[in-house]
Protein backbone atom coordinates (compact mmCIF):
# COMPACT_ATOMS: atom_id res chain seq x y z
CA MET A 1 -27.29 -85.99 -15.67
CA ALA A 2 -30.00 -84.47 -13.83
CA ASN A 3 -28.19 -85.02 -10.37
CA ARG A 4 -24.92 -83.38 -12.13
CA ARG A 5 -26.88 -80.31 -13.17
CA GLY A 6 -28.36 -79.95 -9.76
CA MET A 7 -25.02 -80.10 -8.07
CA ILE A 8 -23.72 -77.13 -10.49
CA LEU A 9 -26.44 -75.19 -9.61
CA VAL A 10 -26.16 -75.65 -5.78
CA VAL A 11 -22.50 -74.53 -6.32
CA LEU A 12 -23.47 -71.57 -8.27
CA SER A 13 -25.73 -70.51 -5.53
CA VAL A 14 -23.19 -70.77 -2.87
CA VAL A 15 -20.78 -68.92 -4.74
CA MET A 16 -23.11 -65.90 -5.55
CA GLY A 17 -24.49 -65.83 -1.81
CA THR A 18 -21.05 -65.46 -0.55
CA ALA A 19 -20.55 -62.69 -2.98
CA ALA A 20 -23.30 -60.82 -2.12
CA ALA A 21 -22.47 -61.20 1.55
CA TRP A 22 -18.94 -60.36 0.97
CA THR A 23 -20.21 -57.12 -0.82
CA ALA A 24 -22.91 -56.15 1.81
CA ASN A 25 -20.37 -56.51 4.83
CA ARG A 26 -18.01 -54.20 3.17
CA TRP A 27 -20.70 -51.71 2.75
CA VAL A 28 -21.89 -51.91 6.24
CA THR A 29 -18.22 -51.74 7.26
CA ALA A 30 -17.24 -48.41 5.22
CA ARG A 31 -20.71 -46.90 6.29
CA SER A 32 -20.00 -47.50 10.17
CA ALA A 33 -16.47 -46.19 9.50
CA ALA A 34 -17.86 -42.96 7.92
CA GLU A 35 -20.17 -42.68 10.89
CA GLU A 36 -17.76 -43.02 13.54
CA GLY A 37 -15.57 -40.65 11.73
CA ALA A 38 -18.30 -37.97 11.60
CA ARG A 39 -18.60 -38.60 15.34
CA GLN A 40 -15.04 -37.95 15.92
CA GLY A 41 -15.25 -34.84 14.25
CA THR A 42 -14.02 -31.20 15.46
CA HIS A 43 -16.24 -28.90 16.97
CA VAL A 44 -15.65 -25.16 15.72
CA VAL A 45 -17.37 -21.84 16.14
CA ALA A 46 -19.51 -20.48 13.30
CA ALA A 47 -21.86 -17.66 12.91
CA ALA A 48 -25.41 -18.24 14.07
CA MET A 49 -26.42 -15.46 12.13
CA ALA A 50 -25.44 -12.83 9.31
CA ILE A 51 -22.57 -10.55 11.34
CA PRO A 52 -22.16 -7.25 9.57
CA TYR A 53 -18.88 -5.48 9.16
CA GLY A 54 -17.79 -3.67 12.30
CA THR A 55 -20.40 -5.65 14.76
CA LYS A 56 -18.90 -6.55 18.19
CA VAL A 57 -19.39 -10.29 18.68
CA GLU A 58 -21.56 -11.51 21.17
CA GLY A 59 -23.02 -14.97 22.36
CA ARG A 60 -26.04 -14.75 20.48
CA HIS A 61 -24.12 -14.13 17.05
CA VAL A 62 -22.30 -17.63 17.38
CA LYS A 63 -22.84 -21.55 17.51
CA PHE A 64 -20.88 -24.77 17.71
CA VAL A 65 -20.54 -26.80 14.36
CA GLU A 66 -19.25 -30.04 13.99
CA ILE A 67 -16.79 -30.68 10.80
CA PRO A 68 -14.85 -33.92 9.89
CA GLU A 69 -11.36 -34.32 11.62
CA GLY A 70 -8.67 -32.13 9.36
CA ILE A 71 -10.60 -29.97 7.20
CA ALA A 72 -11.15 -27.02 9.73
CA PRO A 73 -9.67 -23.72 8.36
CA THR A 74 -6.43 -22.19 9.83
CA GLY A 75 -7.18 -19.92 12.60
CA PHE A 76 -10.58 -21.49 13.90
CA PHE A 77 -12.00 -21.15 17.14
CA THR A 78 -12.99 -23.84 19.50
CA ALA A 79 -14.39 -21.79 22.29
CA ILE A 80 -16.94 -19.29 22.20
CA GLU A 81 -15.33 -17.29 25.14
CA ASP A 82 -12.54 -16.80 22.32
CA VAL A 83 -14.96 -15.15 19.96
CA GLU A 84 -16.88 -12.99 22.21
CA GLY A 85 -15.92 -9.24 22.33
CA ARG A 86 -13.98 -9.49 19.05
CA VAL A 87 -14.97 -7.07 16.10
CA SER A 88 -15.91 -8.03 12.49
CA THR A 89 -13.62 -6.98 9.71
CA ILE A 90 -15.58 -8.23 7.02
CA ASP A 91 -19.59 -9.22 6.69
CA VAL A 92 -19.67 -12.43 7.77
CA ALA A 93 -22.26 -14.87 6.39
CA ARG A 94 -24.53 -17.27 8.54
CA GLY A 95 -23.14 -20.67 9.04
CA GLU A 96 -19.79 -19.34 8.40
CA ILE A 97 -16.82 -20.79 10.13
CA LEU A 98 -15.33 -17.95 12.22
CA ILE A 99 -11.42 -17.35 11.64
CA ALA A 100 -8.85 -15.07 13.72
CA GLU A 101 -8.15 -13.27 10.48
CA ARG A 102 -11.57 -11.87 10.20
CA LEU A 103 -12.22 -10.77 13.82
CA VAL A 104 -10.07 -8.30 15.54
CA ALA A 105 -9.48 -8.20 19.38
CA HIS A 106 -10.94 -5.38 21.09
CA ASP A 107 -9.83 -4.66 24.65
CA LYS A 108 -10.50 -1.05 25.72
CA GLY A 109 -12.04 2.20 23.57
CA SER A 110 -14.52 2.43 21.33
CA THR A 111 -15.62 -0.19 18.48
CA LEU A 112 -14.00 1.92 16.00
CA ALA A 113 -10.54 1.98 17.36
CA ALA A 114 -10.35 -1.69 16.82
CA LEU A 115 -10.97 -1.59 13.17
CA VAL A 116 -8.37 0.95 12.42
CA SER A 117 -5.44 -1.13 10.67
CA GLU A 118 -1.78 -1.19 12.13
CA ASN A 119 0.01 2.07 11.37
CA MET A 120 -2.84 3.67 9.90
CA ARG A 121 -5.02 6.50 11.39
CA ALA A 122 -8.96 7.38 11.33
CA LEU A 123 -10.16 10.90 10.32
CA THR A 124 -13.36 12.27 10.16
CA VAL A 125 -14.35 14.61 7.34
CA ARG A 126 -17.76 16.74 7.34
CA VAL A 127 -19.89 15.58 4.27
CA ASN A 128 -23.33 16.77 2.76
CA ASP A 129 -25.58 14.88 0.01
CA VAL A 130 -23.16 15.79 -2.53
CA ILE A 131 -20.14 15.24 -1.15
CA GLY A 132 -21.14 11.89 0.40
CA VAL A 133 -22.03 10.52 -2.87
CA ALA A 134 -26.02 10.99 -2.12
CA GLY A 135 -26.06 8.92 1.08
CA PHE A 136 -24.64 5.60 -1.00
CA LEU A 137 -21.33 5.56 1.11
CA LEU A 138 -21.60 2.70 3.62
CA PRO A 139 -18.75 1.28 5.93
CA GLY A 140 -16.31 -0.90 4.03
CA ASN A 141 -16.66 1.28 0.89
CA ARG A 142 -13.43 2.44 -0.93
CA VAL A 143 -13.37 6.20 -2.18
CA ASP A 144 -11.17 8.72 -3.79
CA VAL A 145 -10.84 12.05 -2.62
CA LEU A 146 -10.60 15.24 -4.99
CA SER A 147 -9.43 18.53 -4.03
CA SER A 148 -10.81 21.82 -5.45
CA ARG A 149 -9.17 25.13 -5.18
CA LYS A 150 -8.30 28.39 -6.66
CA THR A 151 -5.04 29.41 -7.77
CA THR A 152 -3.30 32.86 -7.43
CA ASP A 153 -4.52 33.59 -10.81
CA ARG A 154 -8.23 32.83 -9.79
CA ARG A 155 -8.42 29.62 -11.57
CA ALA A 156 -10.16 26.67 -10.52
CA VAL A 157 -7.93 23.51 -9.95
CA THR A 158 -9.45 20.16 -9.38
CA GLU A 159 -7.43 17.33 -8.48
CA THR A 160 -7.31 13.62 -7.19
CA ILE A 161 -4.94 13.68 -4.02
CA LEU A 162 -6.06 10.17 -2.58
CA ARG A 163 -7.11 6.89 -4.11
CA ASN A 164 -8.41 3.61 -2.63
CA ILE A 165 -9.23 4.95 0.99
CA LYS A 166 -11.45 3.22 3.19
CA VAL A 167 -14.55 4.11 4.80
CA LEU A 168 -14.35 3.03 8.34
CA ALA A 169 -17.94 4.80 9.50
CA VAL A 170 -20.72 7.17 8.57
CA ASP A 171 -21.65 9.51 11.21
CA GLN A 172 -21.34 7.36 14.46
CA THR A 173 -22.23 4.15 12.83
CA ALA A 174 -19.35 1.24 11.82
CA SER A 175 -21.80 -1.25 10.63
CA THR A 176 -24.75 -1.27 8.84
CA GLU A 177 -27.16 -4.09 7.68
CA GLN A 178 -28.87 -2.30 4.88
CA ASN A 179 -27.79 -0.97 1.48
CA GLU A 180 -30.42 1.60 1.30
CA PRO A 181 -28.72 5.34 0.71
CA VAL A 182 -28.55 7.35 3.99
CA ILE A 183 -27.74 10.87 4.27
CA VAL A 184 -25.07 11.55 6.61
CA ARG A 185 -23.28 14.76 8.00
CA ALA A 186 -19.99 12.81 8.53
CA VAL A 187 -17.60 10.19 7.18
CA THR A 188 -14.63 8.45 8.75
CA LEU A 189 -11.83 7.57 6.39
CA GLU A 190 -8.76 5.00 6.98
CA MET A 191 -5.26 6.65 5.90
CA THR A 192 -1.87 7.00 6.74
CA PRO A 193 -0.64 9.88 8.70
CA GLN A 194 0.89 11.33 5.58
CA GLN A 195 -2.33 11.08 3.88
CA ALA A 196 -4.07 12.77 6.70
CA GLU A 197 -1.99 15.74 6.59
CA LEU A 198 -2.31 16.07 2.91
CA LEU A 199 -6.45 15.71 3.27
CA VAL A 200 -6.45 18.27 5.91
CA LYS A 201 -4.27 20.84 4.17
CA ALA A 202 -6.33 20.33 0.90
CA ARG A 203 -9.66 20.62 3.26
CA SER A 204 -8.19 23.99 4.82
CA GLU A 205 -7.40 25.29 1.35
CA GLY A 206 -10.36 24.56 -0.79
CA GLU A 207 -13.12 21.92 -0.95
CA ILE A 208 -13.02 18.40 -1.18
CA GLN A 209 -15.11 15.73 -2.74
CA LEU A 210 -15.40 11.92 -2.49
CA THR A 211 -16.05 9.62 -5.30
CA LEU A 212 -17.29 5.82 -4.79
CA ARG A 213 -14.97 3.20 -5.95
CA ASN A 214 -16.05 -0.11 -7.49
CA PRO A 215 -15.38 -2.95 -4.90
CA LEU A 216 -13.34 -4.92 -7.37
CA ASP A 217 -10.91 -1.84 -8.32
CA GLU A 218 -7.87 -2.74 -6.23
CA ALA A 219 -5.68 0.25 -7.89
CA GLY A 220 -3.51 1.65 -5.18
CA GLU A 221 -2.06 4.94 -4.49
CA PRO A 222 0.02 6.12 -7.30
CA GLU A 223 2.77 8.61 -6.74
CA PRO A 224 1.78 12.41 -6.04
CA GLU A 225 2.98 14.50 -8.81
CA PRO A 226 5.69 17.20 -7.87
CA GLU A 227 3.52 19.89 -8.97
CA LEU A 228 0.46 18.92 -6.66
CA VAL A 229 2.78 18.30 -3.80
CA ALA A 230 4.47 21.64 -4.28
CA GLN A 231 0.82 23.46 -4.36
CA LEU A 232 -0.19 21.82 -1.26
CA GLU A 233 2.97 22.19 0.91
CA PRO A 234 3.46 25.29 2.93
CA PRO A 235 6.14 27.45 0.97
CA LYS A 236 9.54 27.43 2.47
CA PRO A 237 10.76 30.35 4.39
CA VAL A 238 13.17 32.63 2.39
CA VAL A 239 16.53 32.99 4.10
CA LYS A 240 17.88 36.22 3.62
CA ARG A 241 21.91 36.66 3.77
CA PRO A 242 23.59 39.31 5.16
CA ALA A 243 24.94 41.72 2.59
CA SER A 244 28.55 41.89 1.98
CA PRO A 245 30.49 45.37 2.72
CA PRO A 246 30.88 47.54 -0.41
CA PRO A 247 34.50 47.40 -1.68
CA PRO A 248 36.61 50.26 -0.72
CA THR A 249 36.36 53.20 -2.98
CA SER A 250 39.90 54.61 -2.13
CA THR A 251 43.27 53.31 -1.05
CA THR A 252 45.64 54.82 1.38
CA VAL A 253 49.70 55.11 0.78
CA THR A 254 51.82 56.03 3.52
CA VAL A 255 55.21 57.17 2.62
CA ILE A 256 57.98 57.31 5.22
CA ARG A 257 61.15 59.19 4.40
CA GLY A 258 63.65 59.35 7.78
CA THR A 259 61.38 61.05 10.31
CA LYS A 260 58.96 62.06 8.15
CA VAL A 261 55.88 60.23 7.16
CA ASP A 262 53.36 61.23 4.43
CA THR A 263 49.84 59.70 3.76
CA THR A 264 48.16 60.10 0.61
CA LYS A 265 44.97 58.48 -0.82
CA THR A 266 44.03 57.62 -4.19
CA LYS A 267 40.85 56.79 -5.92
CA ASN A 268 40.23 53.36 -7.30
């Protein structure tokens, strides 16, 4: 009986030892595979420091990071040379992987020119502490433009002529790392050519005012009111048609009798 019990204990010990060894082997194998996969990850370019909006990227701004294979975002960079010289179109946080959508190529000209979107224009307007929202306008903000003028009957009219306009730069700065208000003398806005014409027209006829928008308010530009467009557009020249000749006031009657010709005028 004692021998039988001893055999059972030996068998149970062997089974439990085998199960423990098999479990430990699976854990070691999985851990080794994970480490091997990490070593075979993808090297991508990331921000070594915060890169503000409108900053021209240099070598000191970036670094290499390694991420697991297959999880890199679309448009990532694998060489620092491909990133240097580009301009950031948004604020990039430290450690963020750089992608092509957030960096635009900058070959020649000023940095501001690279920030202007396709088919858009940059227009600078002069401001003061009131028009410039007490210095709280910063690159990347969105504003509405109000036009104030006097009508022919000397009444003051104020209307919003442009909405959701992007601020490209304040004074000669296209990027800023501070959120404190700064009084500036000029603000550069991004708009379509038609909007630029409307703004210049409104500025020549009266005064303009900028109003700061909430960044989460994505309301676009509504259709301009016909009355506003008619007031801002230059008057069309009046084409005068030549006066028609007056109708004849008398009628001439000719009577021929043989060789005799008589002419008589009658009044209408």
